[in-house]
Structures are given as C-alpha cells and as structure tokens.
Amino acid sequence: MGIVTGIVLYAIIWFMTLLVALQVRVTSQDEAGERVAGTHGSAPADAQLKTRIKWTSLVAAGIWVVVAVIIIFELITLEDIDLFTRFGMGSTPDR
C-alpha cells in the first residue's frame, strides 16, 4: 500500500466514522426546549463538533491501523472474498 493510498483510505474511514459519530447522543432543539429562529426543530441544540472530531480522529486511526495491517500483510486477499471463482462460477471452461 502506497502513501497516497493510505491517506485516501484514512480519509474514507474518517468520514464514515464522522457520519456515525454525528448521530450519537444528539439532543434536538425541540427536546432541549430552546429553538433558534430560522432553524428546524430537529436541528441539534449543541453539536459538540470539536469533541466529535477528536473522537472521530482517534477511532478512525484505530480502524485504519487494523485495515492497513490486513492489506499490507495480505491477511485477507481478493481470492478469499472472490465468490465467483471460489465456487466455480467465474472460471473459464476447459477446451
């Protein structure tokens, strides 16, 4: 795995982790009882973005290390997950 591939892989994992983290323990403005004019009632009352970004970076780094080790040391290869050739559906017939 090259350096650019590693950075792109981390970015993808980071954004996926952020999308999950944004949904955890959210209090809407309606639930908090303080609604800001011009916003929807389901908008977060306090998003805590700094905390969520810090946790996202730490969790994404851990997930990235696991995935990078699997890719670098080839613990799981394409042959392991290629079901077409494993079950004979993708093989070419002998002539």
N, C-alpha and C. Protein backbone atom coordinates (compact mmCIF):
# COMPACT_ATOMS: atom_id res chain seq x y z
N MET A 1 0.86 -1.17 0.00
CA MET A 1 0.00 0.00 0.00
C MET A 1 0.90 1.23 0.00
N GLY A 2 0.66 2.11 -0.95
CA GLY A 2 1.44 3.34 -1.06
C GLY A 2 0.97 4.40 -0.07
N ILE A 3 1.73 5.47 0.02
CA ILE A 3 1.41 6.54 0.98
C ILE A 3 0.11 7.25 0.60
N VAL A 4 -0.11 7.47 -0.69
CA VAL A 4 -1.34 8.15 -1.12
C VAL A 4 -2.55 7.24 -0.87
N THR A 5 -2.38 5.95 -1.11
CA THR A 5 -3.46 5.01 -0.84
C THR A 5 -3.80 4.98 0.64
N GLY A 6 -2.78 5.04 1.48
CA GLY A 6 -3.01 5.07 2.93
C GLY A 6 -3.75 6.32 3.37
N ILE A 7 -3.40 7.45 2.80
CA ILE A 7 -4.07 8.71 3.15
C ILE A 7 -5.52 8.70 2.68
N VAL A 8 -5.75 8.22 1.47
CA VAL A 8 -7.12 8.14 0.94
C VAL A 8 -7.95 7.17 1.77
N LEU A 9 -7.37 6.04 2.14
CA LEU A 9 -8.07 5.07 2.97
C LEU A 9 -8.44 5.67 4.33
N TYR A 10 -7.50 6.42 4.94
CA TYR A 10 -7.79 7.07 6.22
C TYR A 10 -8.91 8.11 6.06
N ALA A 11 -8.87 8.88 4.98
CA ALA A 11 -9.91 9.90 4.75
C ALA A 11 -11.28 9.27 4.62
N ILE A 12 -11.36 8.16 3.89
CA ILE A 12 -12.66 7.48 3.73
C ILE A 12 -13.15 6.95 5.07
N ILE A 13 -12.26 6.30 5.82
CA ILE A 13 -12.64 5.78 7.13
C ILE A 13 -13.02 6.91 8.07
N TRP A 14 -12.29 8.04 8.01
CA TRP A 14 -12.58 9.17 8.89
C TRP A 14 -13.98 9.73 8.63
N PHE A 15 -14.32 9.93 7.36
CA PHE A 15 -15.63 10.49 7.04
C PHE A 15 -16.76 9.53 7.39
N MET A 16 -16.54 8.24 7.17
CA MET A 16 -17.57 7.26 7.55
C MET A 16 -17.76 7.25 9.06
N THR A 17 -16.67 7.34 9.80
CA THR A 17 -16.75 7.38 11.26
C THR A 17 -17.42 8.66 11.73
N LEU A 18 -17.13 9.77 11.08
CA LEU A 18 -17.77 11.04 11.44
C LEU A 18 -19.27 10.98 11.23
N LEU A 19 -19.71 10.39 10.13
CA LEU A 19 -21.14 10.29 9.87
C LEU A 19 -21.85 9.46 10.94
N VAL A 20 -21.16 8.46 11.48
CA VAL A 20 -21.74 7.69 12.58
C VAL A 20 -21.72 8.51 13.86
N ALA A 21 -20.60 9.19 14.12
CA ALA A 21 -20.45 9.95 15.36
C ALA A 21 -21.43 11.12 15.46
N LEU A 22 -21.82 11.68 14.32
CA LEU A 22 -22.76 12.80 14.36
C LEU A 22 -24.15 12.38 14.84
N GLN A 23 -24.44 11.09 14.79
CA GLN A 23 -25.76 10.62 15.19
C GLN A 23 -25.84 10.16 16.65
N VAL A 24 -24.71 10.12 17.34
CA VAL A 24 -24.66 9.58 18.69
C VAL A 24 -24.94 10.68 19.71
N ARG A 25 -25.88 10.42 20.61
CA ARG A 25 -26.25 11.33 21.72
C ARG A 25 -26.52 12.76 21.27
N VAL A 26 -27.42 12.90 20.33
CA VAL A 26 -27.80 14.22 19.83
C VAL A 26 -29.09 14.64 20.51
N THR A 27 -29.10 15.86 21.02
CA THR A 27 -30.31 16.43 21.60
C THR A 27 -30.82 17.50 20.65
N SER A 28 -32.04 17.32 20.19
CA SER A 28 -32.59 18.28 19.24
C SER A 28 -33.02 19.56 19.97
N GLN A 29 -33.27 20.60 19.18
CA GLN A 29 -33.69 21.86 19.78
C GLN A 29 -35.06 21.73 20.41
N ASP A 30 -35.94 20.91 19.82
CA ASP A 30 -37.25 20.70 20.42
C ASP A 30 -37.13 19.99 21.76
N GLU A 31 -36.25 19.00 21.86
CA GLU A 31 -36.06 18.29 23.11
C GLU A 31 -35.44 19.18 24.18
N ALA A 32 -34.53 20.08 23.78
CA ALA A 32 -33.87 20.97 24.72
C ALA A 32 -34.78 22.12 25.14
N GLY A 33 -35.79 22.41 24.34
CA GLY A 33 -36.73 23.48 24.67
C GLY A 33 -36.25 24.87 24.26
N GLU A 34 -35.18 24.97 23.55
CA GLU A 34 -34.67 26.27 23.09
C GLU A 34 -34.46 26.22 21.59
N ARG A 35 -35.37 26.82 20.87
CA ARG A 35 -35.33 26.77 19.42
C ARG A 35 -34.85 28.09 18.86
N VAL A 36 -33.81 28.03 18.01
CA VAL A 36 -33.25 29.22 17.38
C VAL A 36 -34.12 29.56 16.18
N ALA A 37 -34.43 30.85 16.02
CA ALA A 37 -35.27 31.28 14.92
C ALA A 37 -34.62 30.95 13.58
N GLY A 38 -35.42 30.41 12.67
CA GLY A 38 -34.94 30.09 11.33
C GLY A 38 -34.37 28.69 11.19
N THR A 39 -34.38 27.90 12.26
CA THR A 39 -33.87 26.53 12.17
C THR A 39 -35.00 25.54 12.39
N HIS A 40 -34.77 24.33 11.96
CA HIS A 40 -35.76 23.27 12.14
C HIS A 40 -35.68 22.76 13.58
N GLY A 41 -36.78 22.26 14.08
CA GLY A 41 -36.82 21.78 15.45
C GLY A 41 -35.94 20.57 15.70
N SER A 42 -35.65 19.81 14.64
CA SER A 42 -34.81 18.62 14.81
C SER A 42 -33.32 18.93 14.71
N ALA A 43 -32.95 20.19 14.51
CA ALA A 43 -31.54 20.56 14.47
C ALA A 43 -30.92 20.38 15.85
N PRO A 44 -29.66 20.01 15.92
CA PRO A 44 -29.04 19.79 17.23
C PRO A 44 -28.96 21.07 18.05
N ALA A 45 -29.20 20.93 19.35
CA ALA A 45 -29.09 22.08 20.23
C ALA A 45 -27.62 22.44 20.45
N ASP A 46 -26.78 21.44 20.68
CA ASP A 46 -25.35 21.65 20.84
C ASP A 46 -24.64 20.49 20.14
N ALA A 47 -24.04 20.75 18.99
CA ALA A 47 -23.46 19.67 18.18
C ALA A 47 -22.16 19.12 18.75
N GLN A 48 -21.43 19.90 19.55
CA GLN A 48 -20.15 19.50 20.15
C GLN A 48 -19.19 18.99 19.07
N LEU A 49 -18.98 19.78 18.05
CA LEU A 49 -18.19 19.34 16.91
C LEU A 49 -16.72 19.09 17.24
N LYS A 50 -16.12 19.92 18.11
CA LYS A 50 -14.71 19.71 18.45
C LYS A 50 -14.50 18.35 19.11
N THR A 51 -15.37 18.01 20.04
CA THR A 51 -15.26 16.72 20.73
C THR A 51 -15.49 15.58 19.76
N ARG A 52 -16.49 15.72 18.92
CA ARG A 52 -16.79 14.65 17.96
C ARG A 52 -15.67 14.46 16.95
N ILE A 53 -15.04 15.54 16.52
CA ILE A 53 -13.93 15.43 15.56
C ILE A 53 -12.72 14.79 16.21
N LYS A 54 -12.44 15.11 17.47
CA LYS A 54 -11.32 14.48 18.17
C LYS A 54 -11.55 12.98 18.31
N TRP A 55 -12.74 12.58 18.75
CA TRP A 55 -13.04 11.16 18.91
C TRP A 55 -13.06 10.45 17.55
N THR A 56 -13.57 11.12 16.55
CA THR A 56 -13.59 10.54 15.21
C THR A 56 -12.17 10.27 14.71
N SER A 57 -11.27 11.20 14.94
CA SER A 57 -9.88 11.01 14.51
C SER A 57 -9.22 9.84 15.22
N LEU A 58 -9.46 9.71 16.52
CA LEU A 58 -8.87 8.60 17.28
C LEU A 58 -9.43 7.25 16.84
N VAL A 59 -10.73 7.17 16.72
CA VAL A 59 -11.37 5.90 16.34
C VAL A 59 -11.00 5.54 14.90
N ALA A 60 -10.99 6.53 14.02
CA ALA A 60 -10.64 6.27 12.62
C ALA A 60 -9.18 5.81 12.50
N ALA A 61 -8.29 6.35 13.32
CA ALA A 61 -6.89 5.92 13.30
C ALA A 61 -6.78 4.45 13.71
N GLY A 62 -7.54 4.06 14.73
CA GLY A 62 -7.53 2.66 15.15
C GLY A 62 -8.05 1.73 14.08
N ILE A 63 -9.15 2.11 13.46
CA ILE A 63 -9.73 1.29 12.38
C ILE A 63 -8.77 1.24 11.21
N TRP A 64 -8.11 2.38 10.89
CA TRP A 64 -7.17 2.42 9.78
C TRP A 64 -5.98 1.50 10.02
N VAL A 65 -5.48 1.45 11.24
CA VAL A 65 -4.35 0.58 11.55
C VAL A 65 -4.73 -0.88 11.29
N VAL A 66 -5.91 -1.28 11.73
CA VAL A 66 -6.35 -2.66 11.52
C VAL A 66 -6.47 -2.96 10.03
N VAL A 67 -7.11 -2.09 9.28
CA VAL A 67 -7.29 -2.30 7.84
C VAL A 67 -5.94 -2.28 7.12
N ALA A 68 -5.05 -1.37 7.51
CA ALA A 68 -3.73 -1.29 6.87
C ALA A 68 -2.92 -2.56 7.11
N VAL A 69 -2.97 -3.09 8.31
CA VAL A 69 -2.25 -4.34 8.60
C VAL A 69 -2.81 -5.48 7.76
N ILE A 70 -4.12 -5.54 7.63
CA ILE A 70 -4.74 -6.58 6.81
C ILE A 70 -4.29 -6.46 5.36
N ILE A 71 -4.21 -5.24 4.84
CA ILE A 71 -3.81 -5.03 3.45
C ILE A 71 -2.32 -5.28 3.25
N ILE A 72 -1.48 -4.74 4.13
CA ILE A 72 -0.03 -4.84 3.95
C ILE A 72 0.45 -6.28 4.09
N PHE A 73 -0.02 -6.99 5.10
CA PHE A 73 0.43 -8.36 5.32
C PHE A 73 -0.42 -9.39 4.59
N GLU A 74 -1.36 -8.93 3.77
CA GLU A 74 -2.21 -9.78 2.94
C GLU A 74 -2.89 -10.88 3.75
N LEU A 75 -3.45 -10.50 4.88
CA LEU A 75 -4.17 -11.47 5.71
C LEU A 75 -5.47 -11.90 5.05
N ILE A 76 -6.08 -10.99 4.31
CA ILE A 76 -7.27 -11.29 3.50
C ILE A 76 -6.95 -10.80 2.08
N THR A 77 -7.07 -11.68 1.12
CA THR A 77 -6.77 -11.33 -0.27
C THR A 77 -8.04 -11.36 -1.10
N LEU A 78 -7.93 -10.94 -2.35
CA LEU A 78 -9.09 -10.97 -3.24
C LEU A 78 -9.57 -12.40 -3.47
N GLU A 79 -8.65 -13.35 -3.49
CA GLU A 79 -9.04 -14.74 -3.68
C GLU A 79 -9.90 -15.24 -2.52
N ASP A 80 -9.71 -14.68 -1.34
CA ASP A 80 -10.50 -15.08 -0.18
C ASP A 80 -11.95 -14.61 -0.27
N ILE A 81 -12.18 -13.49 -0.94
CA ILE A 81 -13.53 -12.94 -0.98
C ILE A 81 -14.17 -13.03 -2.36
N ASP A 82 -13.46 -13.56 -3.34
CA ASP A 82 -14.00 -13.69 -4.70
C ASP A 82 -14.85 -14.95 -4.79
N LEU A 83 -16.14 -14.80 -4.59
CA LEU A 83 -17.03 -15.96 -4.54
C LEU A 83 -17.26 -16.60 -5.90
N PHE A 84 -17.10 -15.85 -6.98
CA PHE A 84 -17.35 -16.42 -8.30
C PHE A 84 -16.32 -17.49 -8.64
N THR A 85 -15.05 -17.20 -8.41
CA THR A 85 -14.04 -18.22 -8.73
C THR A 85 -13.98 -19.29 -7.65
N ARG A 86 -14.33 -18.97 -6.43
CA ARG A 86 -14.29 -19.97 -5.36
C ARG A 86 -15.29 -21.09 -5.62
N PHE A 87 -16.46 -20.75 -6.11
CA PHE A 87 -17.50 -21.75 -6.36
C PHE A 87 -17.57 -22.18 -7.82
N GLY A 88 -16.59 -21.78 -8.63
CA GLY A 88 -16.52 -22.23 -10.00
C GLY A 88 -17.38 -21.49 -10.99
N MET A 89 -18.05 -20.43 -10.56
CA MET A 89 -18.92 -19.71 -11.49
C MET A 89 -18.15 -18.80 -12.43
N GLY A 90 -16.98 -18.35 -12.05
CA GLY A 90 -16.24 -17.41 -12.87
C GLY A 90 -15.10 -18.03 -13.63
N SER A 91 -14.90 -19.32 -13.47
CA SER A 91 -13.78 -19.97 -14.15
C SER A 91 -14.11 -20.20 -15.62
N THR A 92 -13.10 -20.24 -16.44
CA THR A 92 -13.30 -20.48 -17.87
C THR A 92 -13.37 -21.97 -18.13
N PRO A 93 -14.22 -22.41 -19.05
CA PRO A 93 -14.33 -23.84 -19.32
C PRO A 93 -13.10 -24.37 -20.04
N ASP A 94 -12.73 -25.61 -19.73
CA ASP A 94 -11.59 -26.26 -20.40
C ASP A 94 -11.98 -26.67 -21.80
N ARG A 95 -11.07 -26.50 -22.75
CA ARG A 95 -11.37 -26.87 -24.14
C ARG A 95 -10.42 -27.94 -24.58
